[in-house]
């Protein structure tokens, strides 16, 4: 029984060291993920259905320094857990969208060309969608 316990401890230690190694390799190239609100895409809508006032909320964010890696995904997941609206139970649907910054998907361009969010960004630059139904 003691050997199994030691083996499990060793496995946990290896997993932890592997995570640290992957993390340090991912950050050595100097890419630092930056997440900022994309206010122009945010929406809060209400609809009356069956005598109930239903509220829907969408928040959008721009990712700079994004690259595909488990560490970056974990960083975005952590951001979502911290940032999601504390009143999430008040919404019928609450959604968080994440777009990579590009020549089209950026605040300056989208203020001048708001339709490009749907015409271009949705298909080309949207990377992650987190959505909750009824809290």
N, C-alpha and C. Protein backbone atom coordinates (compact mmCIF):
# COMPACT_ATOMS: atom_id res chain seq x y z
N UNK A 1 0.83 -1.19 0.00
CA UNK A 1 0.00 0.00 0.00
C UNK A 1 0.87 1.26 0.00
N UNK A 2 1.98 1.19 0.74
CA UNK A 2 2.88 2.33 0.81
C UNK A 2 3.52 2.60 -0.54
N UNK A 3 3.81 1.51 -1.30
CA UNK A 3 4.41 1.66 -2.63
C UNK A 3 3.45 2.35 -3.59
N UNK A 4 2.17 2.02 -3.51
CA UNK A 4 1.16 2.66 -4.36
C UNK A 4 1.08 4.15 -4.04
N UNK A 5 1.12 4.47 -2.77
CA UNK A 5 1.07 5.87 -2.33
C UNK A 5 2.29 6.64 -2.86
N UNK A 6 3.47 6.01 -2.77
CA UNK A 6 4.69 6.66 -3.30
C UNK A 6 4.60 6.83 -4.81
N UNK A 7 4.07 5.82 -5.49
CA UNK A 7 3.93 5.88 -6.94
C UNK A 7 2.98 7.01 -7.34
N UNK A 8 1.85 7.13 -6.65
CA UNK A 8 0.90 8.21 -6.94
C UNK A 8 1.53 9.57 -6.69
N UNK A 9 2.30 9.69 -5.62
CA UNK A 9 3.00 10.94 -5.34
C UNK A 9 3.99 11.28 -6.44
N UNK A 10 4.70 10.28 -6.94
CA UNK A 10 5.66 10.49 -8.02
C UNK A 10 4.96 10.92 -9.31
N UNK A 11 3.84 10.30 -9.59
CA UNK A 11 3.07 10.66 -10.80
C UNK A 11 2.59 12.10 -10.71
N UNK A 12 2.06 12.50 -9.56
CA UNK A 12 1.60 13.87 -9.37
C UNK A 12 2.75 14.85 -9.54
N UNK A 13 3.91 14.50 -9.00
CA UNK A 13 5.09 15.36 -9.12
C UNK A 13 5.50 15.49 -10.59
N UNK A 14 5.47 14.38 -11.35
CA UNK A 14 5.83 14.43 -12.77
C UNK A 14 4.86 15.30 -13.56
N UNK A 15 3.58 15.19 -13.25
CA UNK A 15 2.57 16.01 -13.94
C UNK A 15 2.82 17.48 -13.64
N UNK A 16 3.08 17.80 -12.39
CA UNK A 16 3.33 19.18 -12.01
C UNK A 16 4.58 19.71 -12.72
N UNK A 17 5.66 18.94 -12.73
CA UNK A 17 6.89 19.37 -13.39
C UNK A 17 6.69 19.51 -14.90
N UNK A 18 5.89 18.63 -15.49
CA UNK A 18 5.60 18.74 -16.93
C UNK A 18 4.85 20.03 -17.22
N UNK A 19 3.86 20.36 -16.38
CA UNK A 19 3.11 21.60 -16.57
C UNK A 19 4.03 22.80 -16.48
N UNK A 20 4.91 22.83 -15.49
CA UNK A 20 5.85 23.95 -15.33
C UNK A 20 6.76 24.04 -16.54
N UNK A 21 7.23 22.90 -17.05
CA UNK A 21 8.10 22.90 -18.22
C UNK A 21 7.37 23.45 -19.44
N UNK A 22 6.14 22.98 -19.69
CA UNK A 22 5.36 23.50 -20.82
C UNK A 22 5.11 24.98 -20.66
N UNK A 23 4.77 25.41 -19.46
CA UNK A 23 4.49 26.82 -19.21
C UNK A 23 5.72 27.67 -19.50
N UNK A 24 6.88 27.24 -19.02
CA UNK A 24 8.08 28.05 -19.23
C UNK A 24 8.47 28.06 -20.70
N UNK A 25 8.27 26.95 -21.41
CA UNK A 25 8.57 26.93 -22.85
C UNK A 25 7.64 27.85 -23.60
N UNK A 26 6.37 27.86 -23.23
CA UNK A 26 5.40 28.71 -23.92
C UNK A 26 5.70 30.19 -23.72
N UNK A 27 6.22 30.56 -22.56
CA UNK A 27 6.42 31.98 -22.29
C UNK A 27 7.82 32.44 -22.69
N UNK A 28 8.72 31.54 -23.08
CA UNK A 28 10.07 31.95 -23.44
C UNK A 28 10.12 32.76 -24.72
N UNK A 29 9.15 32.58 -25.61
CA UNK A 29 9.20 33.30 -26.88
C UNK A 29 8.77 34.75 -26.75
N UNK A 30 8.37 35.18 -25.57
CA UNK A 30 8.05 36.59 -25.35
C UNK A 30 6.60 36.95 -25.62
N UNK A 31 5.80 36.02 -26.13
CA UNK A 31 4.39 36.32 -26.36
C UNK A 31 3.68 36.43 -25.03
N UNK A 32 3.05 37.54 -24.80
CA UNK A 32 2.27 37.74 -23.58
C UNK A 32 0.84 37.96 -24.01
N UNK A 33 -0.04 37.10 -23.54
CA UNK A 33 -1.45 37.22 -23.87
C UNK A 33 -2.03 38.45 -23.20
N UNK A 34 -2.76 39.21 -23.97
CA UNK A 34 -3.47 40.38 -23.45
C UNK A 34 -4.94 40.24 -23.83
N UNK A 35 -5.81 40.47 -22.85
CA UNK A 35 -7.25 40.36 -23.07
C UNK A 35 -7.88 41.69 -22.73
N UNK A 36 -8.56 42.29 -23.70
CA UNK A 36 -9.21 43.57 -23.44
C UNK A 36 -10.65 43.55 -23.95
N UNK A 37 -11.53 44.29 -23.32
CA UNK A 37 -12.94 44.32 -23.75
C UNK A 37 -13.09 44.88 -25.16
N UNK A 38 -14.02 44.33 -25.90
CA UNK A 38 -14.39 44.84 -27.22
C UNK A 38 -15.80 45.40 -27.07
N UNK A 39 -15.88 46.58 -26.48
CA UNK A 39 -17.16 47.20 -26.09
C UNK A 39 -18.14 47.31 -27.24
N UNK A 40 -17.65 47.56 -28.44
CA UNK A 40 -18.54 47.78 -29.60
C UNK A 40 -19.41 46.55 -29.88
N UNK A 41 -18.98 45.37 -29.42
CA UNK A 41 -19.73 44.14 -29.70
C UNK A 41 -20.62 43.72 -28.53
N UNK A 42 -20.49 44.37 -27.39
CA UNK A 42 -21.28 43.99 -26.22
C UNK A 42 -22.75 44.32 -26.40
N UNK A 43 -23.60 43.42 -25.89
CA UNK A 43 -25.05 43.61 -26.00
C UNK A 43 -25.73 43.09 -24.74
N UNK A 44 -26.79 43.78 -24.35
CA UNK A 44 -27.72 43.27 -23.36
C UNK A 44 -29.10 43.51 -23.92
N UNK A 45 -29.85 42.44 -24.10
CA UNK A 45 -31.18 42.52 -24.70
C UNK A 45 -32.20 41.89 -23.76
N UNK A 46 -33.42 42.36 -23.87
CA UNK A 46 -34.52 41.77 -23.11
C UNK A 46 -35.65 41.41 -24.06
N UNK A 47 -36.39 40.40 -23.66
CA UNK A 47 -37.55 39.97 -24.45
C UNK A 47 -38.62 39.47 -23.49
N UNK A 48 -39.87 39.83 -23.79
CA UNK A 48 -41.00 39.37 -22.98
C UNK A 48 -41.53 38.09 -23.61
N UNK A 49 -41.45 36.99 -22.83
CA UNK A 49 -41.93 35.69 -23.32
C UNK A 49 -42.73 35.04 -22.22
N UNK A 50 -43.97 34.67 -22.52
CA UNK A 50 -44.86 34.03 -21.53
C UNK A 50 -44.95 34.83 -20.24
N UNK A 51 -45.10 36.14 -20.40
CA UNK A 51 -45.22 37.08 -19.27
C UNK A 51 -43.97 37.13 -18.39
N UNK A 52 -42.84 36.64 -18.90
CA UNK A 52 -41.56 36.73 -18.19
C UNK A 52 -40.63 37.63 -18.98
N UNK A 53 -39.93 38.50 -18.28
CA UNK A 53 -38.93 39.35 -18.91
C UNK A 53 -37.60 38.61 -18.90
N UNK A 54 -37.15 38.18 -20.08
CA UNK A 54 -35.91 37.43 -20.22
C UNK A 54 -34.79 38.37 -20.66
N UNK A 55 -33.64 38.24 -20.01
CA UNK A 55 -32.49 39.09 -20.32
C UNK A 55 -31.35 38.24 -20.87
N UNK A 56 -30.76 38.73 -21.95
CA UNK A 56 -29.64 38.07 -22.63
C UNK A 56 -28.46 39.03 -22.62
N UNK A 57 -27.27 38.50 -22.33
CA UNK A 57 -26.09 39.36 -22.29
C UNK A 57 -24.96 38.72 -23.07
N UNK A 58 -24.26 39.55 -23.86
CA UNK A 58 -23.10 39.11 -24.62
C UNK A 58 -21.96 40.08 -24.33
N UNK A 59 -20.80 39.54 -23.99
CA UNK A 59 -19.60 40.35 -23.82
C UNK A 59 -18.54 39.82 -24.77
N UNK A 60 -17.80 40.73 -25.40
CA UNK A 60 -16.76 40.34 -26.35
C UNK A 60 -15.40 40.88 -25.90
N UNK A 61 -14.36 40.15 -26.28
CA UNK A 61 -13.00 40.50 -25.88
C UNK A 61 -12.03 40.29 -27.04
N UNK A 62 -10.99 41.11 -27.06
CA UNK A 62 -9.91 40.99 -28.05
C UNK A 62 -8.71 40.34 -27.40
N UNK A 63 -8.11 39.39 -28.13
CA UNK A 63 -6.90 38.72 -27.66
C UNK A 63 -5.71 39.21 -28.47
N UNK A 64 -4.71 39.72 -27.80
CA UNK A 64 -3.45 40.09 -28.45
C UNK A 64 -2.38 39.14 -27.93
N UNK A 65 -1.43 38.79 -28.78
CA UNK A 65 -0.38 37.86 -28.38
C UNK A 65 -0.88 36.43 -28.27
N UNK A 66 -1.99 36.12 -28.95
CA UNK A 66 -2.56 34.78 -28.89
C UNK A 66 -1.76 33.81 -29.75
N UNK A 67 -1.54 32.63 -29.23
CA UNK A 67 -1.04 31.50 -30.00
C UNK A 67 -1.65 30.24 -29.39
N UNK A 68 -1.79 29.23 -30.19
CA UNK A 68 -2.48 28.02 -29.77
C UNK A 68 -1.60 27.20 -28.84
N UNK A 69 -1.99 27.14 -27.57
CA UNK A 69 -1.25 26.34 -26.61
C UNK A 69 -2.15 26.05 -25.41
N UNK A 70 -1.91 24.95 -24.73
CA UNK A 70 -2.71 24.63 -23.54
C UNK A 70 -2.58 25.69 -22.45
N UNK A 71 -1.43 26.31 -22.35
CA UNK A 71 -1.22 27.34 -21.33
C UNK A 71 -2.08 28.56 -21.63
N UNK A 72 -2.14 28.96 -22.89
CA UNK A 72 -2.97 30.11 -23.27
C UNK A 72 -4.44 29.78 -23.04
N UNK A 73 -4.86 28.57 -23.40
CA UNK A 73 -6.25 28.17 -23.15
C UNK A 73 -6.57 28.21 -21.66
N UNK A 74 -5.65 27.76 -20.83
CA UNK A 74 -5.86 27.79 -19.38
C UNK A 74 -5.94 29.23 -18.88
N UNK A 75 -5.15 30.11 -19.47
CA UNK A 75 -5.18 31.52 -19.08
C UNK A 75 -6.54 32.15 -19.44
N UNK A 76 -7.07 31.81 -20.61
CA UNK A 76 -8.38 32.32 -21.02
C UNK A 76 -9.47 31.74 -20.12
N UNK A 77 -9.40 30.45 -19.83
CA UNK A 77 -10.38 29.82 -18.91
C UNK A 77 -10.37 30.52 -17.55
N UNK A 78 -9.19 30.81 -17.06
CA UNK A 78 -9.06 31.49 -15.76
C UNK A 78 -9.68 32.88 -15.82
N UNK A 79 -9.42 33.60 -16.92
CA UNK A 79 -10.00 34.92 -17.11
C UNK A 79 -11.53 34.84 -17.08
N UNK A 80 -12.09 33.85 -17.76
CA UNK A 80 -13.54 33.69 -17.81
C UNK A 80 -14.10 33.46 -16.41
N UNK A 81 -13.47 32.60 -15.65
CA UNK A 81 -13.96 32.31 -14.30
C UNK A 81 -13.95 33.55 -13.41
N UNK A 82 -12.94 34.39 -13.58
CA UNK A 82 -12.82 35.60 -12.77
C UNK A 82 -13.75 36.70 -13.28
N UNK A 83 -13.86 36.83 -14.59
CA UNK A 83 -14.51 37.99 -15.21
C UNK A 83 -16.01 37.84 -15.44
N UNK A 84 -16.51 36.61 -15.50
CA UNK A 84 -17.93 36.45 -15.85
C UNK A 84 -18.80 37.23 -14.86
N UNK A 85 -19.88 37.71 -15.36
CA UNK A 85 -20.78 38.57 -14.59
C UNK A 85 -21.23 37.87 -13.31
N UNK A 86 -21.11 38.56 -12.20
CA UNK A 86 -21.50 37.96 -10.92
C UNK A 86 -23.01 37.75 -10.82
N UNK A 87 -23.76 38.40 -11.70
CA UNK A 87 -25.21 38.25 -11.72
C UNK A 87 -25.64 37.29 -12.83
N UNK A 88 -24.79 36.31 -13.14
CA UNK A 88 -25.04 35.38 -14.24
C UNK A 88 -26.40 34.69 -14.12
N UNK A 89 -26.86 34.46 -12.89
CA UNK A 89 -28.16 33.79 -12.70
C UNK A 89 -29.34 34.65 -13.12
N UNK A 90 -29.12 35.93 -13.35
CA UNK A 90 -30.19 36.83 -13.78
C UNK A 90 -30.44 36.77 -15.29
N UNK A 91 -29.60 36.07 -16.02
CA UNK A 91 -29.71 36.05 -17.47
C UNK A 91 -30.22 34.71 -17.97
N UNK A 92 -31.08 34.76 -18.98
CA UNK A 92 -31.52 33.54 -19.65
C UNK A 92 -30.35 32.94 -20.41
N UNK A 93 -29.55 33.82 -21.02
CA UNK A 93 -28.32 33.39 -21.69
C UNK A 93 -27.25 34.45 -21.47
N UNK A 94 -26.07 33.97 -21.12
CA UNK A 94 -24.92 34.86 -20.93
C UNK A 94 -23.77 34.29 -21.76
N UNK A 95 -23.18 35.10 -22.62
CA UNK A 95 -22.15 34.63 -23.55
C UNK A 95 -20.94 35.52 -23.50
N UNK A 96 -19.76 34.90 -23.56
CA UNK A 96 -18.49 35.62 -23.67
C UNK A 96 -17.81 35.13 -24.95
N UNK A 97 -17.48 36.08 -25.84
CA UNK A 97 -16.81 35.75 -27.10
C UNK A 97 -15.39 36.31 -27.08
N UNK A 98 -14.46 35.57 -27.65
CA UNK A 98 -13.07 35.98 -27.71
C UNK A 98 -12.59 35.97 -29.16
N UNK A 99 -12.09 37.13 -29.61
CA UNK A 99 -11.59 37.30 -30.98
C UNK A 99 -10.10 37.58 -30.94
N UNK A 100 -9.36 37.03 -31.91
CA UNK A 100 -7.96 37.42 -32.02
C UNK A 100 -7.90 38.78 -32.72
N UNK A 101 -6.99 39.61 -32.28
CA UNK A 101 -6.80 40.93 -32.90
C UNK A 101 -6.22 40.73 -34.30
N UNK A 102 -6.77 41.45 -35.26
CA UNK A 102 -6.28 41.39 -36.64
C UNK A 102 -6.43 42.78 -37.26
N UNK A 103 -6.10 42.87 -38.54
CA UNK A 103 -6.23 44.16 -39.24
C UNK A 103 -7.69 44.59 -39.35
N UNK A 104 -8.62 43.65 -39.26
CA UNK A 104 -10.05 43.96 -39.32
C UNK A 104 -10.66 43.96 -37.91
N UNK A 105 -10.30 42.96 -37.12
CA UNK A 105 -10.88 42.83 -35.79
C UNK A 105 -10.03 43.61 -34.78
N UNK A 106 -10.30 44.89 -34.73
CA UNK A 106 -9.69 45.79 -33.76
C UNK A 106 -10.64 46.96 -33.58
N UNK A 107 -10.50 47.66 -32.47
CA UNK A 107 -11.45 48.72 -32.12
C UNK A 107 -11.49 49.80 -33.20
N UNK A 108 -10.35 50.26 -33.64
CA UNK A 108 -10.32 51.36 -34.62
C UNK A 108 -11.07 51.00 -35.90
N UNK A 109 -10.82 49.81 -36.43
CA UNK A 109 -11.49 49.42 -37.67
C UNK A 109 -12.98 49.19 -37.45
N UNK A 110 -13.34 48.51 -36.36
CA UNK A 110 -14.75 48.18 -36.15
C UNK A 110 -15.61 49.39 -35.81
N UNK A 111 -15.02 50.42 -35.23
CA UNK A 111 -15.79 51.66 -35.01
C UNK A 111 -16.16 52.27 -36.35
N UNK A 112 -15.24 52.23 -37.30
CA UNK A 112 -15.50 52.78 -38.64
C UNK A 112 -16.35 51.86 -39.52
N UNK A 113 -16.22 50.56 -39.29
CA UNK A 113 -16.91 49.55 -40.12
C UNK A 113 -17.56 48.50 -39.22
N UNK A 114 -18.60 48.84 -38.48
CA UNK A 114 -19.19 47.91 -37.51
C UNK A 114 -19.75 46.62 -38.12
N UNK A 115 -20.17 46.65 -39.38
CA UNK A 115 -20.72 45.44 -40.00
C UNK A 115 -19.65 44.36 -40.21
N UNK A 116 -18.38 44.76 -40.20
CA UNK A 116 -17.30 43.79 -40.39
C UNK A 116 -17.21 42.80 -39.24
N UNK A 117 -17.77 43.15 -38.10
CA UNK A 117 -17.79 42.21 -36.98
C UNK A 117 -18.53 40.93 -37.39
N UNK A 118 -19.66 41.09 -38.07
CA UNK A 118 -20.43 39.94 -38.52
C UNK A 118 -19.90 39.42 -39.86
N UNK A 119 -19.57 40.32 -40.74
CA UNK A 119 -19.13 39.93 -42.09
C UNK A 119 -17.77 39.23 -42.10
N UNK A 120 -16.87 39.64 -41.21
CA UNK A 120 -15.51 39.09 -41.24
C UNK A 120 -15.11 38.42 -39.92
N UNK A 121 -15.20 39.15 -38.84
CA UNK A 121 -14.64 38.69 -37.56
C UNK A 121 -15.26 37.39 -37.05
N UNK A 122 -16.58 37.25 -37.19
CA UNK A 122 -17.25 36.03 -36.71
C UNK A 122 -16.65 34.78 -37.35
N UNK A 123 -16.35 34.85 -38.63
CA UNK A 123 -15.86 33.67 -39.36
C UNK A 123 -14.35 33.51 -39.32
N UNK A 124 -13.63 34.61 -39.20
CA UNK A 124 -12.18 34.55 -39.34
C UNK A 124 -11.39 34.72 -38.05
N UNK A 125 -11.92 35.46 -37.10
CA UNK A 125 -11.13 35.80 -35.92
C UNK A 125 -11.74 35.35 -34.59
N UNK A 126 -12.95 34.82 -34.59
CA UNK A 126 -13.53 34.36 -33.33
C UNK A 126 -12.88 33.02 -32.96
N UNK A 127 -12.32 32.96 -31.75
CA UNK A 127 -11.60 31.78 -31.31
C UNK A 127 -12.35 30.96 -30.26
N UNK A 128 -13.00 31.66 -29.31
CA UNK A 128 -13.64 30.95 -28.20
C UNK A 128 -15.01 31.57 -27.92
N UNK A 129 -15.94 30.69 -27.54
CA UNK A 129 -17.26 31.13 -27.09
C UNK A 129 -17.61 30.36 -25.83
N UNK A 130 -17.90 31.09 -24.78
CA UNK A 130 -18.38 30.52 -23.52
C UNK A 130 -19.82 30.97 -23.36
N UNK A 131 -20.72 30.02 -23.10
CA UNK A 131 -22.12 30.39 -23.02
C UNK A 131 -22.80 29.62 -21.88
N UNK A 132 -23.62 30.34 -21.12
CA UNK A 132 -24.38 29.74 -20.03
C UNK A 132 -25.86 29.98 -20.29
N UNK A 133 -26.67 28.99 -20.02
CA UNK A 133 -28.11 29.10 -20.17
C UNK A 133 -28.73 29.09 -18.78
N UNK A 134 -29.52 30.09 -18.49
CA UNK A 134 -30.24 30.20 -17.21
C UNK A 134 -29.30 30.03 -16.01
N UNK A 135 -28.19 30.77 -16.06
CA UNK A 135 -27.24 30.75 -14.95
C UNK A 135 -26.42 29.52 -14.98
